[in-house]
Amino acid sequence: ICGATAIGDSKTLGKVGVKIIGFYILTTMMAVAVALGIGLLIRPGIGLDMSQVQQVETGIEGGQSVSFAETILNIIPKNPIGALANGEMLQVIVFALIVGIILAKLQDKTQLVTNFFQQGNDIMMEMTMMVMRLAPIGVFCLILPVVAENGPQILGNLGLVLLCAYIGYFLHAVIVYSATVKALGGVSPLAFFKGMFPAMAMAFSSASSVGTLPLNLECTERLGARRDIASFVLPLGATINMDGTAIYQGVCAVFIATCYGVDLTLGQMITIVLTATLASIGTAGVPGS
């Protein structure tokens, strides 16, 4: 809401929104493609044969297929409070944008409400930073049951999965991000990475795009980004532009396929790219989600 209000002009918001969402989807698809290439090259599931493992009946029914039209309609919130309660992120974003545009249009008439959301945003940012200080303990607890249930040998294959993912992160940053920063932003990649290093270090240590958001805003403004644009683009990106998550999902898809002896066809890999792109959009920006 604060980001949409800061831009003010709904026409400018529309132009920026269309461009940035297109850019986010494109980079996410490129991220999954990079991940698939690295996964097929290193094959992290080699040595793990799970094709003979007995499948356990879960009692969970398969999801019904949803048409493209239904997917678009589901983005429009029927009940904003219900969307918040159920974690329907895309519905929340659409409703927030509508509220922000209206607040920007009414300006002085709704200054009290605008101040309320700005102060609420400050509170949420500080609360997120407090929670993130406990993240290392949470990650430690997430890893313990995996080793306890599968034995220490599972760490070798999981280590290969992580290696593939980190190679993907590195290549995506160096190739895709450097090229776009230079071509679209006219900024030297070295200057960009130097200026963004505090935010990158925070993101690496916390594994949270949302937790890194306050520091991210500071770094981009120091590099010359306009505050009104940054305050709209970055929160939206922290929610739907999960390139790291997309890379991890791509690597995991290859890992599972290798474990079960499945040779992925070109069609299946294209499906993985599309599915991982959509799945990463709906992923929460916190570790372990």
C-alpha atoms as a PDB file:
ATOM      1  CA  ILE A   1       0.000   0.000   0.000  1.00  0.00           C
ATOM      2  CA  CYS A   2       2.809   2.409   0.929  1.00  0.00           C
ATOM      3  CA  GLY A   3       4.637   1.677  -2.331  1.00  0.00           C
ATOM      4  CA  ALA A   4       1.577   2.291  -4.514  1.00  0.00           C
ATOM      5  CA  THR A   5       0.746   5.455  -2.554  1.00  0.00           C
ATOM      6  CA  ALA A   6       4.305   6.787  -2.897  1.00  0.00           C
ATOM      7  CA  ILE A   7       4.205   6.602  -6.719  1.00  0.00           C
ATOM      8  CA  GLY A   8       0.989   8.610  -6.658  1.00  0.00           C
ATOM      9  CA  ASP A   9       0.027   8.678 -10.339  1.00  0.00           C
ATOM     10  CA  SER A  10      -1.966   5.572 -11.329  1.00  0.00           C
ATOM     11  CA  LYS A  11      -0.701   5.816 -14.941  1.00  0.00           C
ATOM     12  CA  THR A  12       2.920   5.744 -13.757  1.00  0.00           C
ATOM     13  CA  LEU A  13       2.071   2.880 -11.405  1.00  0.00           C
ATOM     14  CA  GLY A  14       0.548   0.916 -14.293  1.00  0.00           C
ATOM     15  CA  LYS A  15       3.570   1.433 -16.562  1.00  0.00           C
ATOM     16  CA  VAL A  16       6.052   0.516 -13.817  1.00  0.00           C
ATOM     17  CA  GLY A  17       3.920  -2.436 -12.701  1.00  0.00           C
ATOM     18  CA  VAL A  18       3.626  -4.039 -16.146  1.00  0.00           C
ATOM     19  CA  LYS A  19       7.347  -3.614 -16.865  1.00  0.00           C
ATOM     20  CA  ILE A  20       8.541  -4.915 -13.509  1.00  0.00           C
ATOM     21  CA  ILE A  21       6.199  -7.937 -13.378  1.00  0.00           C
ATOM     22  CA  GLY A  22       7.309  -8.911 -16.892  1.00  0.00           C
ATOM     23  CA  PHE A  23      10.934  -8.514 -15.850  1.00  0.00           C
ATOM     24  CA  TYR A  24      10.384 -10.590 -12.682  1.00  0.00           C
ATOM     25  CA  ILE A  25       8.722 -13.460 -14.565  1.00  0.00           C
ATOM     26  CA  LEU A  26      11.448 -13.475 -17.244  1.00  0.00           C
ATOM     27  CA  THR A  27      14.339 -13.568 -14.740  1.00  0.00           C
ATOM     28  CA  THR A  28      12.602 -16.291 -12.705  1.00  0.00           C
ATOM     29  CA  MET A  29      12.154 -18.484 -15.790  1.00  0.00           C
ATOM     30  CA  MET A  30      15.825 -17.928 -16.681  1.00  0.00           C
ATOM     31  CA  ALA A  31      16.749 -18.916 -13.108  1.00  0.00           C
ATOM     32  CA  VAL A  32      14.909 -22.251 -13.387  1.00  0.00           C
ATOM     33  CA  ALA A  33      16.514 -22.926 -16.779  1.00  0.00           C
ATOM     34  CA  VAL A  34      19.977 -22.324 -15.266  1.00  0.00           C
ATOM     35  CA  ALA A  35      19.107 -24.676 -12.390  1.00  0.00           C
ATOM     36  CA  LEU A  36      17.969 -27.465 -14.720  1.00  0.00           C
ATOM     37  CA  GLY A  37      21.169 -27.173 -16.757  1.00  0.00           C
ATOM     38  CA  ILE A  38      23.390 -27.427 -13.668  1.00  0.00           C
ATOM     39  CA  GLY A  39      21.281 -30.235 -12.178  1.00  0.00           C
ATOM     40  CA  LEU A  40      21.485 -32.316 -15.370  1.00  0.00           C
ATOM     41  CA  LEU A  41      25.249 -31.705 -15.528  1.00  0.00           C
ATOM     42  CA  ILE A  42      26.069 -32.630 -11.896  1.00  0.00           C
ATOM     43  CA  ARG A  43      23.091 -35.009 -11.246  1.00  0.00           C
ATOM     44  CA  PRO A  44      22.957 -34.695  -7.432  1.00  0.00           C
ATOM     45  CA  GLY A  45      20.743 -37.784  -6.997  1.00  0.00           C
ATOM     46  CA  ILE A  46      23.351 -40.217  -8.411  1.00  0.00           C
ATOM     47  CA  GLY A  47      23.785 -43.208  -6.079  1.00  0.00           C
ATOM     48  CA  LEU A  48      20.357 -42.869  -4.474  1.00  0.00           C
ATOM     49  CA  ASP A  49      17.926 -45.414  -5.972  1.00  0.00           C
ATOM     50  CA  MET A  50      14.453 -44.735  -4.625  1.00  0.00           C
ATOM     51  CA  SER A  51      12.547 -46.462  -7.439  1.00  0.00           C
ATOM     52  CA  GLN A  52      11.978 -49.537  -5.226  1.00  0.00           C
ATOM     53  CA  VAL A  53      10.892 -47.596  -2.135  1.00  0.00           C
ATOM     54  CA  GLN A  54       7.373 -48.576  -1.117  1.00  0.00           C
ATOM     55  CA  GLN A  55       4.959 -45.717  -1.603  1.00  0.00           C
ATOM     56  CA  VAL A  56       2.909 -44.845   1.459  1.00  0.00           C
ATOM     57  CA  GLU A  57      -0.765 -44.008   1.048  1.00  0.00           C
ATOM     58  CA  THR A  58      -1.188 -40.464   2.336  1.00  0.00           C
ATOM     59  CA  GLY A  59      -4.922 -40.127   1.951  1.00  0.00           C
ATOM     60  CA  ILE A  60      -4.398 -36.777   0.208  1.00  0.00           C
ATOM     61  CA  GLU A  61      -6.361 -36.449  -3.003  1.00  0.00           C
ATOM     62  CA  GLY A  62      -4.762 -34.952  -6.095  1.00  0.00           C
ATOM     63  CA  GLY A  63      -5.631 -31.328  -6.820  1.00  0.00           C
ATOM     64  CA  GLN A  64      -8.154 -30.547  -9.518  1.00  0.00           C
ATOM     65  CA  SER A  65      -6.831 -28.882 -12.642  1.00  0.00           C
ATOM     66  CA  VAL A  66      -7.533 -25.158 -12.834  1.00  0.00           C
ATOM     67  CA  SER A  67      -7.981 -23.319 -16.135  1.00  0.00           C
ATOM     68  CA  PHE A  68      -6.043 -20.169 -17.040  1.00  0.00           C
ATOM     69  CA  ALA A  69      -9.226 -18.071 -16.752  1.00  0.00           C
ATOM     70  CA  GLU A  70      -9.882 -19.429 -13.241  1.00  0.00           C
ATOM     71  CA  THR A  71      -6.288 -18.679 -12.253  1.00  0.00           C
ATOM     72  CA  ILE A  72      -6.706 -15.043 -13.337  1.00  0.00           C
ATOM     73  CA  LEU A  73     -10.070 -14.740 -11.548  1.00  0.00           C
ATOM     74  CA  ASN A  74      -8.588 -16.242  -8.357  1.00  0.00           C
ATOM     75  CA  ILE A  75      -6.121 -13.327  -8.207  1.00  0.00           C
ATOM     76  CA  ILE A  76      -9.056 -10.937  -7.620  1.00  0.00           C
ATOM     77  CA  PRO A  77      -9.876 -10.953  -3.882  1.00  0.00           C
ATOM     78  CA  LYS A  78     -13.459 -11.944  -3.027  1.00  0.00           C
ATOM     79  CA  ASN A  79     -12.773 -11.289   0.650  1.00  0.00           C
ATOM     80  CA  PRO A  80      -9.606  -9.275   1.489  1.00  0.00           C
ATOM     81  CA  ILE A  81      -9.707 -10.309   5.179  1.00  0.00           C
ATOM     82  CA  GLY A  82     -10.074 -13.963   4.154  1.00  0.00           C
ATOM     83  CA  ALA A  83      -7.142 -13.600   1.737  1.00  0.00           C
ATOM     84  CA  LEU A  84      -4.983 -12.246   4.578  1.00  0.00           C
ATOM     85  CA  ALA A  85      -6.065 -15.038   6.931  1.00  0.00           C
ATOM     86  CA  ASN A  86      -5.403 -17.782   4.340  1.00  0.00           C
ATOM     87  CA  GLY A  87      -2.107 -16.341   3.074  1.00  0.00           C
ATOM     88  CA  GLU A  88      -3.376 -15.773  -0.485  1.00  0.00           C
ATOM     89  CA  MET A  89      -0.447 -13.504  -1.369  1.00  0.00           C
ATOM     90  CA  LEU A  90      -1.479 -12.514  -4.898  1.00  0.00           C
ATOM     91  CA  GLN A  91      -4.973 -11.545  -3.737  1.00  0.00           C
ATOM     92  CA  VAL A  92      -3.435  -9.512  -0.897  1.00  0.00           C
ATOM     93  CA  ILE A  93      -1.105  -7.721  -3.349  1.00  0.00           C
ATOM     94  CA  VAL A  94      -3.985  -6.845  -5.734  1.00  0.00           C
ATOM     95  CA  PHE A  95      -6.111  -5.475  -2.899  1.00  0.00           C
ATOM     96  CA  ALA A  96      -3.153  -3.518  -1.467  1.00  0.00           C
ATOM     97  CA  LEU A  97      -2.437  -1.955  -4.871  1.00  0.00           C
ATOM     98  CA  ILE A  98      -6.080  -0.893  -5.254  1.00  0.00           C
ATOM     99  CA  VAL A  99      -6.092   0.695  -1.782  1.00  0.00           C
ATOM    100  CA  GLY A 100      -2.740   2.407  -2.460  1.00  0.00           C
ATOM    101  CA  ILE A 101      -3.931   3.848  -5.785  1.00  0.00           C
ATOM    102  CA  ILE A 102      -7.098   5.231  -4.174  1.00  0.00           C
ATOM    103  CA  LEU A 103      -5.131   6.767  -1.277  1.00  0.00           C
ATOM    104  CA  ALA A 104      -2.771   8.417  -3.782  1.00  0.00           C
ATOM    105  CA  LYS A 105      -5.749   9.776  -5.734  1.00  0.00           C
ATOM    106  CA  LEU A 106      -7.509  11.226  -2.679  1.00  0.00           C
ATOM    107  CA  GLN A 107      -4.246  12.585  -1.161  1.00  0.00           C
ATOM    108  CA  ASP A 108      -5.051  15.145   1.599  1.00  0.00           C
ATOM    109  CA  LYS A 109      -8.521  13.699   2.225  1.00  0.00           C
ATOM    110  CA  THR A 110      -7.015  10.397   3.407  1.00  0.00           C
ATOM    111  CA  GLN A 111      -3.719  11.586   4.931  1.00  0.00           C
ATOM    112  CA  LEU A 112      -4.621  10.070   8.319  1.00  0.00           C
ATOM    113  CA  VAL A 113      -5.155   6.617   6.759  1.00  0.00           C
ATOM    114  CA  THR A 114      -1.945   6.959   4.709  1.00  0.00           C
ATOM    115  CA  ASN A 115       0.004   7.784   7.891  1.00  0.00           C
ATOM    116  CA  PHE A 116      -1.584   4.753   9.585  1.00  0.00           C
ATOM    117  CA  PHE A 117      -0.293   2.403   6.868  1.00  0.00           C
ATOM    118  CA  GLN A 118       3.155   4.031   6.827  1.00  0.00           C
ATOM    119  CA  GLN A 119       3.491   3.643  10.598  1.00  0.00           C
ATOM    120  CA  GLY A 120       2.150   0.091  10.353  1.00  0.00           C
ATOM    121  CA  ASN A 121       4.802  -0.628   7.732  1.00  0.00           C
ATOM    122  CA  ASP A 122       7.527   0.661  10.082  1.00  0.00           C
ATOM    123  CA  ILE A 123       6.202  -1.589  12.869  1.00  0.00           C
ATOM    124  CA  MET A 124       6.115  -4.671  10.604  1.00  0.00           C
ATOM    125  CA  MET A 125       9.675  -4.023   9.347  1.00  0.00           C
ATOM    126  CA  GLU A 126      10.995  -3.800  12.915  1.00  0.00           C
ATOM    127  CA  MET A 127       9.050  -6.902  13.960  1.00  0.00           C
ATOM    128  CA  THR A 128      10.474  -8.843  10.993  1.00  0.00           C
ATOM    129  CA  MET A 129      14.025  -7.847  11.968  1.00  0.00           C
ATOM    130  CA  MET A 130      13.401  -9.060  15.545  1.00  0.00           C
ATOM    131  CA  VAL A 131      12.095 -12.425  14.323  1.00  0.00           C
ATOM    132  CA  MET A 132      15.027 -12.871  11.909  1.00  0.00           C
ATOM    133  CA  ARG A 133      17.493 -12.788  14.816  1.00  0.00           C
ATOM    134  CA  LEU A 134      16.073 -16.207  15.819  1.00  0.00           C
ATOM    135  CA  ALA A 135      16.396 -17.634  12.280  1.00  0.00           C
ATOM    136  CA  PRO A 136      19.706 -19.536  12.835  1.00  0.00           C
ATOM    137  CA  ILE A 137      18.111 -21.546  15.673  1.00  0.00           C
ATOM    138  CA  GLY A 138      15.109 -22.328  13.461  1.00  0.00           C
ATOM    139  CA  VAL A 139      17.290 -23.516  10.561  1.00  0.00           C
ATOM    140  CA  PHE A 140      19.289 -25.743  12.945  1.00  0.00           C
ATOM    141  CA  CYS A 141      16.035 -27.352  14.157  1.00  0.00           C
ATOM    142  CA  LEU A 142      14.883 -27.897  10.545  1.00  0.00           C
ATOM    143  CA  ILE A 143      18.044 -29.849   9.644  1.00  0.00           C
ATOM    144  CA  LEU A 144      18.110 -32.083  12.774  1.00  0.00           C
ATOM    145  CA  PRO A 145      15.062 -34.309  11.963  1.00  0.00           C
ATOM    146  CA  VAL A 146      16.224 -34.824   8.355  1.00  0.00           C
ATOM    147  CA  VAL A 147      19.541 -36.314   9.532  1.00  0.00           C
ATOM    148  CA  ALA A 148      17.866 -38.237  12.381  1.00  0.00           C
ATOM    149  CA  GLU A 149      15.369 -39.931  10.043  1.00  0.00           C
ATOM    150  CA  ASN A 150      17.657 -40.654   7.060  1.00  0.00           C
ATOM    151  CA  GLY A 151      21.103 -41.127   8.624  1.00  0.00           C
ATOM    152  CA  PRO A 152      24.248 -39.064   8.021  1.00  0.00           C
ATOM    153  CA  GLN A 153      24.757 -40.489   4.492  1.00  0.00           C
ATOM    154  CA  ILE A 154      21.844 -38.372   3.248  1.00  0.00           C
ATOM    155  CA  LEU A 155      24.001 -35.300   3.899  1.00  0.00           C
ATOM    156  CA  GLY A 156      26.282 -36.219   0.982  1.00  0.00           C
ATOM    157  CA  ASN A 157      23.472 -36.108  -1.583  1.00  0.00           C
ATOM    158  CA  LEU A 158      21.891 -33.084   0.064  1.00  0.00           C
ATOM    159  CA  GLY A 159      25.320 -31.443  -0.081  1.00  0.00           C
ATOM    160  CA  LEU A 160      25.358 -31.993  -3.858  1.00  0.00           C
ATOM    161  CA  VAL A 161      21.878 -30.468  -4.113  1.00  0.00           C
ATOM    162  CA  LEU A 162      23.098 -27.397  -2.210  1.00  0.00           C
ATOM    163  CA  LEU A 163      26.257 -27.238  -4.361  1.00  0.00           C
ATOM    164  CA  CYS A 164      24.136 -27.225  -7.529  1.00  0.00           C
ATOM    165  CA  ALA A 165      21.871 -24.548  -6.060  1.00  0.00           C
ATOM    166  CA  TYR A 166      24.766 -22.287  -5.034  1.00  0.00           C
ATOM    167  CA  ILE A 167      26.422 -22.644  -8.443  1.00  0.00           C
ATOM    168  CA  GLY A 168      23.050 -21.623  -9.920  1.00  0.00           C
ATOM    169  CA  TYR A 169      22.805 -18.622  -7.572  1.00  0.00           C
ATOM    170  CA  PHE A 170      26.314 -17.501  -8.507  1.00  0.00           C
ATOM    171  CA  LEU A 171      25.831 -17.873 -12.284  1.00  0.00           C
ATOM    172  CA  HIS A 172      22.411 -16.199 -12.182  1.00  0.00           C
ATOM    173  CA  ALA A 173      23.825 -13.203 -10.277  1.00  0.00           C
ATOM    174  CA  VAL A 174      26.983 -12.881 -12.370  1.00  0.00           C
ATOM    175  CA  ILE A 175      25.401 -13.440 -15.803  1.00  0.00           C
ATOM    176  CA  VAL A 176      21.701 -12.480 -15.660  1.00  0.00           C
ATOM    177  CA  TYR A 177      21.769  -9.727 -13.034  1.00  0.00           C
ATOM    178  CA  SER A 178      25.048  -8.175 -14.216  1.00  0.00           C
ATOM    179  CA  ALA A 179      23.754  -8.014 -17.783  1.00  0.00           C
ATOM    180  CA  THR A 180      20.413  -6.453 -16.798  1.00  0.00           C
ATOM    181  CA  VAL A 181      22.013  -3.949 -14.391  1.00  0.00           C
ATOM    182  CA  LYS A 182      24.369  -2.798 -17.149  1.00  0.00           C
ATOM    183  CA  ALA A 183      21.823  -2.834 -19.988  1.00  0.00           C
ATOM    184  CA  LEU A 184      18.744  -1.480 -18.195  1.00  0.00           C
ATOM    185  CA  GLY A 185      20.217   0.497 -15.300  1.00  0.00           C
ATOM    186  CA  GLY A 186      23.404   1.807 -16.910  1.00  0.00           C
ATOM    187  CA  VAL A 187      25.292   0.882 -13.733  1.00  0.00           C
ATOM    188  CA  SER A 188      28.608  -0.954 -13.595  1.00  0.00           C
ATOM    189  CA  PRO A 189      28.035  -4.487 -12.218  1.00  0.00           C
ATOM    190  CA  LEU A 190      31.022  -4.057  -9.861  1.00  0.00           C
ATOM    191  CA  ALA A 191      29.593  -0.787  -8.495  1.00  0.00           C
ATOM    192  CA  PHE A 192      26.192  -2.436  -8.160  1.00  0.00           C
ATOM    193  CA  PHE A 193      27.423  -5.468  -6.231  1.00  0.00           C
ATOM    194  CA  LYS A 194      29.621  -3.258  -4.032  1.00  0.00           C
ATOM    195  CA  GLY A 195      26.685  -1.001  -3.208  1.00  0.00           C
ATOM    196  CA  MET A 196      24.335  -3.954  -2.613  1.00  0.00           C
ATOM    197  CA  PHE A 197      26.816  -6.005  -0.555  1.00  0.00           C
ATOM    198  CA  PRO A 198      25.226  -5.207   2.875  1.00  0.00           C
ATOM    199  CA  ALA A 199      21.806  -6.357   1.613  1.00  0.00           C
ATOM    200  CA  MET A 200      23.337  -9.425  -0.081  1.00  0.00           C
ATOM    201  CA  ALA A 201      25.161 -10.392   3.139  1.00  0.00           C
ATOM    202  CA  MET A 202      21.936 -10.022   5.116  1.00  0.00           C
ATOM    203  CA  ALA A 203      20.015 -12.080   2.548  1.00  0.00           C
ATOM    204  CA  PHE A 204      22.670 -14.816   2.602  1.00  0.00           C
ATOM    205  CA  SER A 205      22.789 -15.064   6.407  1.00  0.00           C
ATOM    206  CA  SER A 206      19.024 -14.816   6.983  1.00  0.00           C
ATOM    207  CA  ALA A 207      17.789 -16.612   3.820  1.00  0.00           C
ATOM    208  CA  SER A 208      14.868 -14.190   3.866  1.00  0.00           C
ATOM    209  CA  SER A 209      13.955 -11.690   1.169  1.00  0.00           C
ATOM    210  CA  VAL A 210      11.373 -10.071   3.454  1.00  0.00           C
ATOM    211  CA  GLY A 211      13.836  -9.823   6.346  1.00  0.00           C
ATOM    212  CA  THR A 212      16.341  -8.126   4.031  1.00  0.00           C
ATOM    213  CA  LEU A 213      13.820  -5.610   2.680  1.00  0.00           C
ATOM    214  CA  PRO A 214      14.648  -2.618   4.974  1.00  0.00           C
ATOM    215  CA  LEU A 215      18.384  -2.893   4.219  1.00  0.00           C
ATOM    216  CA  ASN A 216      17.639  -3.501   0.534  1.00  0.00           C
ATOM    217  CA  LEU A 217      15.718  -0.215   0.353  1.00  0.00           C
ATOM    218  CA  GLU A 218      18.643   1.663   1.929  1.00  0.00           C
ATOM    219  CA  CYS A 219      21.218   0.193  -0.480  1.00  0.00           C
ATOM    220  CA  THR A 220      19.171   0.861  -3.629  1.00  0.00           C
ATOM    221  CA  GLU A 221      18.569   4.472  -2.605  1.00  0.00           C
ATOM    222  CA  ARG A 222      22.320   4.977  -2.064  1.00  0.00           C
ATOM    223  CA  LEU A 223      22.861   3.648  -5.606  1.00  0.00           C
ATOM    224  CA  GLY A 224      20.513   6.323  -6.954  1.00  0.00           C
ATOM    225  CA  ALA A 225      17.133   4.583  -7.147  1.00  0.00           C
ATOM    226  CA  ARG A 226      14.094   6.803  -6.629  1.00  0.00           C
ATOM    227  CA  ARG A 227      12.445   6.133  -3.274  1.00  0.00           C
ATOM    228  CA  ASP A 228       8.898   6.114  -4.682  1.00  0.00           C
ATOM    229  CA  ILE A 229       9.848   3.505  -7.307  1.00  0.00           C
ATOM    230  CA  ALA A 230      11.968   1.429  -4.892  1.00  0.00           C
ATOM    231  CA  SER A 231       9.242   1.359  -2.231  1.00  0.00           C
ATOM    232  CA  PHE A 232       6.868  -0.176  -4.792  1.00  0.00           C
ATOM    233  CA  VAL A 233       9.221  -2.435  -6.761  1.00  0.00           C
ATOM    234  CA  LEU A 234      11.214  -4.005  -3.890  1.00  0.00           C
ATOM    235  CA  PRO A 235       8.318  -5.190  -1.654  1.00  0.00           C
ATOM    236  CA  LEU A 236       6.638  -6.601  -4.768  1.00  0.00           C
ATOM    237  CA  GLY A 237       9.900  -8.295  -5.791  1.00  0.00           C
ATOM    238  CA  ALA A 238      10.415  -9.690  -2.283  1.00  0.00           C
ATOM    239  CA  THR A 239       7.014 -11.357  -2.666  1.00  0.00           C
ATOM    240  CA  ILE A 240       6.909 -12.602  -6.261  1.00  0.00           C
ATOM    241  CA  ASN A 241      10.496 -12.487  -7.622  1.00  0.00           C
ATOM    242  CA  MET A 242      11.913 -15.544  -5.838  1.00  0.00           C
ATOM    243  CA  ASP A 243      14.727 -16.436  -8.251  1.00  0.00           C
ATOM    244  CA  GLY A 244      16.671 -18.238  -5.518  1.00  0.00           C
ATOM    245  CA  THR A 245      13.646 -20.352  -4.638  1.00  0.00           C
ATOM    246  CA  ALA A 246      13.057 -21.065  -8.332  1.00  0.00           C
ATOM    247  CA  ILE A 247      16.678 -22.254  -8.750  1.00  0.00           C
ATOM    248  CA  TYR A 248      16.361 -24.502  -5.693  1.00  0.00           C
ATOM    249  CA  GLN A 249      13.081 -25.988  -6.989  1.00  0.00           C
ATOM    250  CA  GLY A 250      14.648 -26.641 -10.397  1.00  0.00           C
ATOM    251  CA  VAL A 251      17.614 -28.451  -8.830  1.00  0.00           C
ATOM    252  CA  CYS A 252      15.286 -30.458  -6.567  1.00  0.00           C
ATOM    253  CA  ALA A 253      13.187 -31.539  -9.553  1.00  0.00           C
ATOM    254  CA  VAL A 254      16.294 -32.981 -11.247  1.00  0.00           C
ATOM    255  CA  PHE A 255      17.423 -34.541  -7.927  1.00  0.00           C
ATOM    256  CA  ILE A 256      14.092 -36.357  -7.434  1.00  0.00           C
ATOM    257  CA  ALA A 257      13.964 -37.445 -11.088  1.00  0.00           C
ATOM    258  CA  THR A 258      17.485 -38.914 -10.775  1.00  0.00           C
ATOM    259  CA  CYS A 259      16.560 -40.725  -7.531  1.00  0.00           C
ATOM    260  CA  TYR A 260      13.606 -42.397  -9.261  1.00  0.00           C
ATOM    261  CA  GLY A 261      15.469 -43.101 -12.520  1.00  0.00           C
ATOM    262  CA  VAL A 262      13.331 -40.708 -14.585  1.00  0.00           C
ATOM    263  CA  ASP A 263      14.904 -39.180 -17.698  1.00  0.00           C
ATOM    264  CA  LEU A 264      13.325 -35.764 -18.147  1.00  0.00           C
ATOM    265  CA  THR A 265      12.106 -34.928 -21.642  1.00  0.00           C
ATOM    266  CA  LEU A 266      12.247 -31.414 -23.130  1.00  0.00           C
ATOM    267  CA  GLY A 267       8.494 -31.046 -22.602  1.00  0.00           C
ATOM    268  CA  GLN A 268       8.789 -32.042 -18.939  1.00  0.00           C
ATOM    269  CA  MET A 269      11.638 -29.562 -18.413  1.00  0.00           C
ATOM    270  CA  ILE A 270       9.555 -26.756 -19.944  1.00  0.00           C
ATOM    271  CA  THR A 271       6.735 -27.760 -17.576  1.00  0.00           C
ATOM    272  CA  ILE A 272       9.165 -27.587 -14.639  1.00  0.00           C
ATOM    273  CA  VAL A 273      10.263 -24.080 -15.712  1.00  0.00           C
ATOM    274  CA  LEU A 274       6.651 -22.848 -15.823  1.00  0.00           C
ATOM    275  CA  THR A 275       5.591 -24.646 -12.632  1.00  0.00           C
ATOM    276  CA  ALA A 276       8.622 -23.549 -10.607  1.00  0.00           C
ATOM    277  CA  THR A 277       8.107 -19.960 -11.779  1.00  0.00           C
ATOM    278  CA  LEU A 278       4.503 -19.959 -10.541  1.00  0.00           C
ATOM    279  CA  ALA A 279       5.399 -21.857  -7.344  1.00  0.00           C
ATOM    280  CA  SER A 280       8.182 -19.406  -6.472  1.00  0.00           C
ATOM    281  CA  ILE A 281       5.749 -16.485  -6.867  1.00  0.00           C
ATOM    282  CA  GLY A 282       3.559 -17.894  -4.093  1.00  0.00           C
ATOM    283  CA  THR A 283       6.409 -18.757  -1.712  1.00  0.00           C
ATOM    284  CA  ALA A 284       6.745 -16.841   1.547  1.00  0.00           C
ATOM    285  CA  GLY A 285       9.994 -14.873   1.899  1.00  0.00           C
ATOM    286  CA  VAL A 286      11.140 -16.633   5.058  1.00  0.00           C
ATOM    287  CA  PRO A 287      13.562 -19.586   5.597  1.00  0.00           C
ATOM    288  CA  GLY A 288      12.122 -23.098   5.301  1.00  0.00           C
ATOM    289  CA  SER A 289       8.848 -22.034   3.685  1.00  0.00           C
END
